[in-house]
N, C-alpha and C. Protein backbone atom coordinates (compact mmCIF):
# COMPACT_ATOMS: atom_id res chain seq x y z
N MET A 1 0.85 -1.18 0.00
CA MET A 1 0.00 0.00 0.00
C MET A 1 0.90 1.24 0.00
N PRO A 2 0.62 2.22 -0.89
CA PRO A 2 1.45 3.42 -0.93
C PRO A 2 1.33 4.24 0.34
N PRO A 3 2.43 4.88 0.75
CA PRO A 3 2.38 5.72 1.94
C PRO A 3 1.49 6.92 1.71
N SER A 4 0.87 7.40 2.77
CA SER A 4 0.03 8.59 2.63
C SER A 4 0.89 9.84 2.84
N ILE A 5 0.53 10.87 2.13
CA ILE A 5 1.24 12.15 2.19
C ILE A 5 0.21 13.20 2.56
N THR A 6 0.57 14.05 3.48
CA THR A 6 -0.34 15.16 3.80
C THR A 6 0.19 16.42 3.15
N GLU A 7 -0.69 17.37 2.93
CA GLU A 7 -0.28 18.62 2.30
C GLU A 7 0.76 19.36 3.14
N GLN A 8 0.82 19.10 4.44
CA GLN A 8 1.75 19.80 5.32
C GLN A 8 3.15 19.19 5.34
N SER A 9 3.33 18.00 4.74
CA SER A 9 4.63 17.36 4.76
C SER A 9 5.64 18.21 3.98
N PRO A 10 6.78 18.53 4.61
CA PRO A 10 7.78 19.31 3.88
C PRO A 10 8.47 18.45 2.82
N SER A 11 8.89 19.08 1.76
CA SER A 11 9.61 18.39 0.71
C SER A 11 11.10 18.36 1.06
N VAL A 12 11.74 17.23 0.81
CA VAL A 12 13.16 17.03 1.10
C VAL A 12 13.86 16.64 -0.20
N ALA A 13 15.07 17.14 -0.40
CA ALA A 13 15.87 16.74 -1.56
C ALA A 13 16.52 15.39 -1.25
N ALA A 14 16.16 14.41 -2.04
CA ALA A 14 16.76 13.07 -1.92
C ALA A 14 17.45 12.75 -3.23
N TYR A 15 18.66 12.25 -3.15
CA TYR A 15 19.42 11.88 -4.34
C TYR A 15 19.40 10.36 -4.46
N ILE A 16 19.02 9.88 -5.65
CA ILE A 16 18.86 8.46 -5.90
C ILE A 16 19.86 8.02 -6.97
N GLY A 17 20.61 6.98 -6.68
CA GLY A 17 21.49 6.38 -7.67
C GLY A 17 20.72 5.33 -8.44
N LEU A 18 20.82 5.38 -9.76
CA LEU A 18 20.17 4.41 -10.63
C LEU A 18 21.26 3.64 -11.37
N GLY A 19 21.12 2.32 -11.44
CA GLY A 19 22.09 1.51 -12.17
C GLY A 19 21.44 0.26 -12.72
N ALA A 20 22.00 -0.24 -13.81
CA ALA A 20 21.53 -1.49 -14.42
C ALA A 20 22.64 -2.03 -15.31
N ASN A 21 22.76 -3.37 -15.36
CA ASN A 21 23.72 -3.97 -16.29
C ASN A 21 23.21 -5.27 -16.91
N LEU A 22 21.93 -5.53 -16.79
CA LEU A 22 21.32 -6.70 -17.43
C LEU A 22 20.14 -6.25 -18.27
N GLY A 23 19.91 -6.94 -19.37
CA GLY A 23 18.76 -6.62 -20.21
C GLY A 23 18.93 -5.28 -20.90
N ASP A 24 17.82 -4.60 -21.15
CA ASP A 24 17.81 -3.28 -21.78
C ASP A 24 18.06 -2.24 -20.70
N ALA A 25 19.32 -2.07 -20.32
CA ALA A 25 19.67 -1.21 -19.19
C ALA A 25 19.21 0.23 -19.41
N ARG A 26 19.42 0.78 -20.58
CA ARG A 26 19.02 2.17 -20.83
C ARG A 26 17.51 2.32 -20.75
N GLY A 27 16.78 1.41 -21.35
CA GLY A 27 15.32 1.45 -21.28
C GLY A 27 14.82 1.31 -19.86
N THR A 28 15.46 0.45 -19.09
CA THR A 28 15.07 0.25 -17.70
C THR A 28 15.30 1.52 -16.88
N LEU A 29 16.44 2.18 -17.11
CA LEU A 29 16.71 3.43 -16.38
C LEU A 29 15.68 4.50 -16.75
N ASP A 30 15.33 4.58 -18.02
CA ASP A 30 14.31 5.55 -18.45
C ASP A 30 12.96 5.25 -17.79
N ASP A 31 12.58 3.96 -17.79
CA ASP A 31 11.32 3.56 -17.15
C ASP A 31 11.34 3.89 -15.66
N ALA A 32 12.46 3.60 -15.01
CA ALA A 32 12.57 3.85 -13.56
C ALA A 32 12.42 5.34 -13.25
N LEU A 33 12.99 6.20 -14.09
CA LEU A 33 12.84 7.65 -13.87
C LEU A 33 11.37 8.07 -13.95
N ARG A 34 10.65 7.52 -14.92
CA ARG A 34 9.21 7.83 -15.02
C ARG A 34 8.47 7.34 -13.78
N GLU A 35 8.85 6.17 -13.29
CA GLU A 35 8.20 5.63 -12.10
C GLU A 35 8.55 6.44 -10.85
N LEU A 36 9.77 6.93 -10.76
CA LEU A 36 10.14 7.80 -9.64
C LEU A 36 9.30 9.07 -9.65
N ALA A 37 9.09 9.62 -10.85
CA ALA A 37 8.29 10.85 -10.98
C ALA A 37 6.84 10.61 -10.58
N GLY A 38 6.39 9.37 -10.63
CA GLY A 38 5.02 9.04 -10.27
C GLY A 38 4.81 8.71 -8.81
N LEU A 39 5.86 8.73 -8.01
CA LEU A 39 5.70 8.43 -6.58
C LEU A 39 4.89 9.54 -5.92
N PRO A 40 4.08 9.20 -4.92
CA PRO A 40 3.27 10.22 -4.26
C PRO A 40 4.13 11.29 -3.60
N GLY A 41 3.71 12.55 -3.74
CA GLY A 41 4.41 13.65 -3.10
C GLY A 41 5.83 13.83 -3.57
N THR A 42 6.12 13.42 -4.81
CA THR A 42 7.49 13.41 -5.30
C THR A 42 7.58 14.03 -6.69
N GLN A 43 8.63 14.79 -6.88
CA GLN A 43 8.92 15.38 -8.18
C GLN A 43 10.39 15.13 -8.50
N VAL A 44 10.69 14.71 -9.72
CA VAL A 44 12.08 14.59 -10.18
C VAL A 44 12.50 15.99 -10.62
N SER A 45 13.48 16.57 -9.92
CA SER A 45 13.88 17.94 -10.23
C SER A 45 15.20 18.04 -10.98
N ALA A 46 15.97 16.97 -11.06
CA ALA A 46 17.22 16.97 -11.83
C ALA A 46 17.63 15.53 -12.10
N VAL A 47 18.23 15.33 -13.28
CA VAL A 47 18.74 14.00 -13.65
C VAL A 47 20.07 14.21 -14.35
N SER A 48 21.06 13.43 -13.96
CA SER A 48 22.38 13.51 -14.60
C SER A 48 22.33 12.83 -15.97
N ALA A 49 23.42 12.97 -16.67
CA ALA A 49 23.63 12.18 -17.88
C ALA A 49 23.75 10.71 -17.48
N THR A 50 23.74 9.86 -18.46
CA THR A 50 23.98 8.43 -18.23
C THR A 50 25.46 8.16 -18.42
N TYR A 51 26.01 7.33 -17.55
CA TYR A 51 27.43 6.98 -17.57
C TYR A 51 27.57 5.46 -17.68
N ARG A 52 28.67 5.03 -18.28
CA ARG A 52 29.00 3.60 -18.34
C ARG A 52 30.23 3.38 -17.47
N SER A 53 30.16 2.32 -16.65
CA SER A 53 31.31 2.00 -15.80
C SER A 53 31.42 0.49 -15.63
N ALA A 54 32.63 0.06 -15.33
CA ALA A 54 32.88 -1.35 -15.07
C ALA A 54 32.33 -1.72 -13.70
N PRO A 55 31.88 -2.97 -13.54
CA PRO A 55 31.44 -3.40 -12.21
C PRO A 55 32.59 -3.29 -11.20
N ILE A 56 32.25 -2.94 -9.97
CA ILE A 56 33.23 -2.86 -8.88
C ILE A 56 32.91 -3.98 -7.90
N ASP A 57 33.92 -4.73 -7.51
CA ASP A 57 33.76 -5.85 -6.58
C ASP A 57 32.76 -6.87 -7.11
N SER A 58 32.73 -7.03 -8.44
CA SER A 58 31.79 -7.96 -9.05
C SER A 58 32.27 -8.25 -10.47
N SER A 59 31.44 -8.99 -11.20
CA SER A 59 31.73 -9.28 -12.60
C SER A 59 30.47 -9.00 -13.40
N GLY A 60 30.55 -9.28 -14.69
CA GLY A 60 29.39 -9.06 -15.54
C GLY A 60 29.61 -7.89 -16.47
N PRO A 61 28.57 -7.57 -17.25
CA PRO A 61 28.68 -6.46 -18.20
C PRO A 61 28.84 -5.12 -17.50
N ASP A 62 29.29 -4.13 -18.26
CA ASP A 62 29.37 -2.77 -17.73
C ASP A 62 27.99 -2.30 -17.27
N TYR A 63 28.01 -1.39 -16.32
CA TYR A 63 26.77 -0.78 -15.81
C TYR A 63 26.49 0.52 -16.54
N LEU A 64 25.23 0.85 -16.63
CA LEU A 64 24.79 2.18 -16.96
C LEU A 64 24.29 2.79 -15.66
N ASN A 65 24.70 4.03 -15.38
CA ASN A 65 24.36 4.68 -14.12
C ASN A 65 23.95 6.12 -14.36
N SER A 66 23.12 6.62 -13.47
CA SER A 66 22.80 8.04 -13.41
C SER A 66 22.36 8.35 -11.99
N VAL A 67 22.16 9.63 -11.71
CA VAL A 67 21.67 10.07 -10.41
C VAL A 67 20.52 11.03 -10.65
N ALA A 68 19.48 10.88 -9.85
CA ALA A 68 18.33 11.78 -9.93
C ALA A 68 18.14 12.47 -8.58
N ARG A 69 17.75 13.73 -8.65
CA ARG A 69 17.34 14.45 -7.45
C ARG A 69 15.82 14.41 -7.40
N LEU A 70 15.31 13.93 -6.28
CA LEU A 70 13.87 13.94 -6.04
C LEU A 70 13.57 14.97 -4.97
N ASP A 71 12.54 15.75 -5.16
CA ASP A 71 12.00 16.56 -4.10
C ASP A 71 10.78 15.79 -3.62
N THR A 72 10.88 15.22 -2.43
CA THR A 72 9.88 14.25 -1.99
C THR A 72 9.35 14.56 -0.61
N GLN A 73 8.11 14.17 -0.42
CA GLN A 73 7.48 14.25 0.91
C GLN A 73 7.49 12.89 1.59
N LEU A 74 7.98 11.87 0.90
CA LEU A 74 8.06 10.54 1.50
C LEU A 74 9.14 10.52 2.58
N SER A 75 8.91 9.78 3.63
CA SER A 75 9.94 9.59 4.65
C SER A 75 11.06 8.75 4.05
N PRO A 76 12.23 8.73 4.67
CA PRO A 76 13.33 7.92 4.12
C PRO A 76 12.96 6.45 3.96
N THR A 77 12.29 5.86 4.95
CA THR A 77 11.95 4.44 4.85
C THR A 77 10.83 4.19 3.85
N ALA A 78 9.88 5.12 3.73
CA ALA A 78 8.84 4.99 2.71
C ALA A 78 9.44 5.11 1.32
N LEU A 79 10.41 6.00 1.15
CA LEU A 79 11.10 6.13 -0.12
C LEU A 79 11.84 4.85 -0.47
N LEU A 80 12.57 4.29 0.49
CA LEU A 80 13.28 3.03 0.27
C LEU A 80 12.31 1.93 -0.16
N ALA A 81 11.19 1.81 0.52
CA ALA A 81 10.20 0.78 0.18
C ALA A 81 9.69 0.98 -1.24
N ALA A 82 9.45 2.23 -1.63
CA ALA A 82 8.98 2.52 -2.99
C ALA A 82 10.05 2.15 -4.02
N LEU A 83 11.32 2.44 -3.73
CA LEU A 83 12.41 2.08 -4.63
C LEU A 83 12.50 0.57 -4.80
N GLN A 84 12.36 -0.15 -3.71
CA GLN A 84 12.43 -1.61 -3.76
C GLN A 84 11.27 -2.20 -4.57
N ARG A 85 10.09 -1.58 -4.49
CA ARG A 85 8.96 -2.04 -5.31
C ARG A 85 9.25 -1.83 -6.79
N ILE A 86 9.85 -0.69 -7.13
CA ILE A 86 10.20 -0.42 -8.53
C ILE A 86 11.24 -1.43 -9.00
N GLU A 87 12.26 -1.70 -8.18
CA GLU A 87 13.27 -2.70 -8.54
C GLU A 87 12.63 -4.06 -8.80
N GLN A 88 11.77 -4.48 -7.90
CA GLN A 88 11.12 -5.79 -8.05
C GLN A 88 10.26 -5.86 -9.31
N ALA A 89 9.59 -4.76 -9.64
CA ALA A 89 8.77 -4.72 -10.85
C ALA A 89 9.63 -4.89 -12.11
N HIS A 90 10.91 -4.58 -12.00
CA HIS A 90 11.83 -4.72 -13.12
C HIS A 90 12.68 -5.99 -13.01
N GLY A 91 12.24 -6.93 -12.18
CA GLY A 91 12.89 -8.24 -12.10
C GLY A 91 14.15 -8.29 -11.27
N ARG A 92 14.34 -7.35 -10.36
CA ARG A 92 15.54 -7.34 -9.52
C ARG A 92 15.59 -8.57 -8.64
N GLU A 93 16.70 -9.24 -8.67
CA GLU A 93 16.97 -10.37 -7.78
C GLU A 93 18.23 -10.07 -7.00
N ARG A 94 18.34 -10.65 -5.82
CA ARG A 94 19.50 -10.43 -4.96
C ARG A 94 20.11 -11.77 -4.56
N PRO A 95 20.68 -12.50 -5.54
CA PRO A 95 21.22 -13.82 -5.20
C PRO A 95 22.49 -13.76 -4.35
N TYR A 96 23.26 -12.67 -4.49
CA TYR A 96 24.47 -12.47 -3.69
C TYR A 96 24.86 -11.00 -3.79
N ARG A 97 25.73 -10.58 -2.88
CA ARG A 97 26.15 -9.18 -2.82
C ARG A 97 26.83 -8.77 -4.13
N ASN A 98 26.45 -7.62 -4.65
CA ASN A 98 27.00 -7.04 -5.87
C ASN A 98 26.74 -7.89 -7.12
N ALA A 99 25.68 -8.69 -7.09
CA ALA A 99 25.31 -9.47 -8.27
C ALA A 99 24.89 -8.53 -9.40
N PRO A 100 25.09 -8.95 -10.66
CA PRO A 100 24.56 -8.17 -11.76
C PRO A 100 23.06 -7.96 -11.55
N ARG A 101 22.52 -6.86 -12.10
CA ARG A 101 21.12 -6.56 -11.82
C ARG A 101 20.42 -5.85 -12.97
N THR A 102 19.12 -6.12 -13.02
CA THR A 102 18.28 -5.45 -14.01
C THR A 102 18.06 -4.00 -13.62
N LEU A 103 18.02 -3.72 -12.32
CA LEU A 103 17.83 -2.36 -11.84
C LEU A 103 18.28 -2.27 -10.39
N ASP A 104 19.01 -1.21 -10.10
CA ASP A 104 19.45 -0.93 -8.73
C ASP A 104 19.12 0.53 -8.45
N LEU A 105 18.34 0.76 -7.40
CA LEU A 105 17.98 2.11 -6.97
C LEU A 105 18.45 2.28 -5.54
N ASP A 106 19.33 3.24 -5.30
CA ASP A 106 19.88 3.47 -3.97
C ASP A 106 19.57 4.87 -3.49
N VAL A 107 19.16 4.98 -2.22
CA VAL A 107 19.05 6.30 -1.59
C VAL A 107 20.47 6.71 -1.24
N LEU A 108 20.99 7.70 -1.95
CA LEU A 108 22.35 8.18 -1.70
C LEU A 108 22.36 9.19 -0.57
N LEU A 109 21.44 10.15 -0.65
CA LEU A 109 21.33 11.22 0.34
C LEU A 109 19.86 11.53 0.55
N TYR A 110 19.52 11.92 1.76
CA TYR A 110 18.16 12.35 2.08
C TYR A 110 18.30 13.62 2.90
N GLY A 111 18.22 14.76 2.20
CA GLY A 111 18.48 16.03 2.86
C GLY A 111 19.87 15.99 3.47
N ALA A 112 19.99 16.55 4.66
CA ALA A 112 21.27 16.54 5.39
C ALA A 112 21.28 15.46 6.46
N LEU A 113 20.30 14.55 6.41
CA LEU A 113 20.20 13.52 7.45
C LEU A 113 21.30 12.48 7.34
N GLN A 114 21.70 11.99 8.49
CA GLN A 114 22.54 10.81 8.59
C GLN A 114 21.67 9.76 9.26
N ILE A 115 21.46 8.64 8.57
CA ILE A 115 20.55 7.60 9.02
C ILE A 115 21.33 6.31 9.13
N ASP A 116 21.15 5.59 10.23
CA ASP A 116 21.80 4.30 10.41
C ASP A 116 20.78 3.31 10.97
N LEU A 117 20.04 2.71 10.06
CA LEU A 117 19.04 1.71 10.40
C LEU A 117 19.46 0.39 9.76
N PRO A 118 18.96 -0.74 10.26
CA PRO A 118 19.34 -2.01 9.63
C PRO A 118 19.02 -2.06 8.14
N GLU A 119 17.92 -1.43 7.72
CA GLU A 119 17.51 -1.49 6.33
C GLU A 119 17.98 -0.30 5.48
N LEU A 120 18.50 0.75 6.11
CA LEU A 120 18.85 1.95 5.37
C LEU A 120 19.96 2.73 6.07
N VAL A 121 21.05 2.97 5.32
CA VAL A 121 22.15 3.81 5.80
C VAL A 121 22.30 4.97 4.81
N VAL A 122 22.23 6.19 5.34
CA VAL A 122 22.34 7.40 4.53
C VAL A 122 23.26 8.37 5.25
N PRO A 123 24.23 8.98 4.56
CA PRO A 123 24.57 8.80 3.17
C PRO A 123 24.91 7.34 2.86
N HIS A 124 24.70 6.97 1.61
CA HIS A 124 25.00 5.60 1.20
C HIS A 124 26.43 5.28 1.64
N PRO A 125 26.65 4.13 2.28
CA PRO A 125 27.96 3.85 2.89
C PRO A 125 29.14 3.78 1.92
N ARG A 126 28.92 3.53 0.64
CA ARG A 126 30.04 3.46 -0.31
C ARG A 126 30.00 4.59 -1.34
N LEU A 127 29.14 5.58 -1.13
CA LEU A 127 29.01 6.72 -2.04
C LEU A 127 30.36 7.34 -2.35
N HIS A 128 31.18 7.55 -1.34
CA HIS A 128 32.46 8.25 -1.50
C HIS A 128 33.53 7.42 -2.20
N GLU A 129 33.25 6.13 -2.45
CA GLU A 129 34.21 5.23 -3.09
C GLU A 129 33.89 4.95 -4.54
N ARG A 130 32.82 5.51 -5.07
CA ARG A 130 32.30 5.12 -6.37
C ARG A 130 32.20 6.29 -7.36
N ALA A 131 33.04 6.26 -8.38
CA ALA A 131 32.98 7.31 -9.41
C ALA A 131 31.62 7.31 -10.09
N PHE A 132 31.00 6.12 -10.26
CA PHE A 132 29.72 6.05 -10.96
C PHE A 132 28.59 6.70 -10.16
N VAL A 133 28.83 7.03 -8.91
CA VAL A 133 27.88 7.80 -8.10
C VAL A 133 28.34 9.26 -8.02
N LEU A 134 29.61 9.46 -7.71
CA LEU A 134 30.11 10.82 -7.47
C LEU A 134 30.08 11.71 -8.70
N LEU A 135 30.45 11.18 -9.86
CA LEU A 135 30.50 12.01 -11.05
C LEU A 135 29.10 12.49 -11.47
N PRO A 136 28.10 11.60 -11.57
CA PRO A 136 26.76 12.11 -11.90
C PRO A 136 26.17 12.98 -10.80
N LEU A 137 26.50 12.69 -9.55
CA LEU A 137 26.02 13.52 -8.44
C LEU A 137 26.61 14.92 -8.53
N ALA A 138 27.90 15.00 -8.83
CA ALA A 138 28.56 16.30 -8.97
C ALA A 138 28.01 17.08 -10.16
N GLU A 139 27.57 16.36 -11.18
CA GLU A 139 27.00 17.02 -12.35
C GLU A 139 25.73 17.80 -12.00
N ILE A 140 24.86 17.21 -11.17
CA ILE A 140 23.59 17.88 -10.86
C ILE A 140 23.62 18.67 -9.56
N ALA A 141 24.65 18.47 -8.73
CA ALA A 141 24.76 19.19 -7.46
C ALA A 141 26.23 19.46 -7.15
N PRO A 142 26.90 20.30 -7.95
CA PRO A 142 28.35 20.47 -7.81
C PRO A 142 28.82 21.01 -6.47
N GLY A 143 28.02 21.77 -5.76
CA GLY A 143 28.43 22.32 -4.48
C GLY A 143 27.96 21.51 -3.29
N LEU A 144 27.47 20.32 -3.55
CA LEU A 144 26.88 19.49 -2.50
C LEU A 144 27.89 19.11 -1.42
N ASP A 145 27.45 19.15 -0.19
CA ASP A 145 28.22 18.68 0.95
C ASP A 145 27.60 17.36 1.40
N VAL A 146 28.39 16.29 1.39
CA VAL A 146 27.91 14.98 1.81
C VAL A 146 28.09 14.88 3.32
N PRO A 147 26.99 14.76 4.07
CA PRO A 147 27.11 14.71 5.53
C PRO A 147 28.12 13.67 6.01
N GLY A 148 29.06 14.12 6.82
CA GLY A 148 30.08 13.23 7.36
C GLY A 148 31.23 12.94 6.43
N ARG A 149 31.16 13.41 5.18
CA ARG A 149 32.21 13.11 4.19
C ARG A 149 32.85 14.35 3.58
N GLY A 150 32.10 15.44 3.44
CA GLY A 150 32.65 16.67 2.90
C GLY A 150 32.11 17.01 1.53
N GLN A 151 32.78 17.95 0.88
CA GLN A 151 32.35 18.46 -0.42
C GLN A 151 32.52 17.40 -1.51
N ILE A 152 31.53 17.36 -2.40
CA ILE A 152 31.54 16.38 -3.49
C ILE A 152 32.79 16.52 -4.35
N ALA A 153 33.22 17.74 -4.63
CA ALA A 153 34.40 17.96 -5.47
C ALA A 153 35.64 17.32 -4.85
N ALA A 154 35.79 17.42 -3.54
CA ALA A 154 36.95 16.82 -2.87
C ALA A 154 36.88 15.29 -2.90
N LEU A 155 35.68 14.75 -2.83
CA LEU A 155 35.52 13.29 -2.86
C LEU A 155 35.87 12.71 -4.21
N LEU A 156 35.68 13.48 -5.27
CA LEU A 156 35.98 13.00 -6.62
C LEU A 156 37.46 12.66 -6.81
N ASP A 157 38.34 13.36 -6.12
CA ASP A 157 39.77 13.10 -6.27
C ASP A 157 40.14 11.65 -5.96
N ALA A 158 39.49 11.05 -4.99
CA ALA A 158 39.83 9.70 -4.56
C ALA A 158 39.41 8.63 -5.57
N VAL A 159 38.54 8.97 -6.54
CA VAL A 159 38.04 7.96 -7.47
C VAL A 159 38.44 8.25 -8.92
N ARG A 160 39.38 9.15 -9.10
CA ARG A 160 39.78 9.57 -10.46
C ARG A 160 40.29 8.41 -11.32
N GLU A 161 40.80 7.35 -10.72
CA GLU A 161 41.37 6.23 -11.48
C GLU A 161 40.30 5.24 -11.95
N GLN A 162 39.08 5.33 -11.46
CA GLN A 162 38.03 4.40 -11.87
C GLN A 162 37.54 4.77 -13.27
N ARG A 163 37.39 3.75 -14.12
CA ARG A 163 36.93 3.99 -15.49
C ARG A 163 35.45 4.33 -15.48
N ILE A 164 35.12 5.44 -16.09
CA ILE A 164 33.73 5.86 -16.25
C ILE A 164 33.65 6.73 -17.49
N ASP A 165 32.62 6.47 -18.31
CA ASP A 165 32.45 7.20 -19.56
C ASP A 165 31.06 7.83 -19.58
N ARG A 166 31.02 9.13 -19.90
CA ARG A 166 29.75 9.84 -20.03
C ARG A 166 29.15 9.50 -21.38
N LEU A 167 27.91 9.04 -21.39
CA LEU A 167 27.26 8.65 -22.64
C LEU A 167 26.36 9.72 -23.19
N THR A 168 25.55 10.36 -22.34
CA THR A 168 24.62 11.37 -22.81
C THR A 168 24.60 12.54 -21.87
């Protein structure tokens, strides 16, 4: 059942990482963006270009990745549940950690909150280690400060050696 939103709920900027490396990855990312825009109390306010990168700590085909900024009234856990429903609708399976996937949607940031729950850690715990997250994030929010980690521009220096290609 979708979460209820009241008119008084404040909107929060949430950054979502999108990735896919199985099937029609580009089509899946496009579909997922439309589905994100359809979430209750949510508007997609920015989307990065699409990037291609090699899998990290895994194998399989290259990933296509992007980052979207959502202005949402959903709580962090309601947003996570909605993302997981979208993943499942696109055939997401979790046979093992870092397995290839039809769709991966991650809550990277939720406002300036730092969240540490069993089901959700924000900022995403590996955000600062991944060029495929940092580069598209820097594209749509270049002055962003990642809570507990610092400025996005400074974080990019640590991942400069990772292969990533801007597609669009």
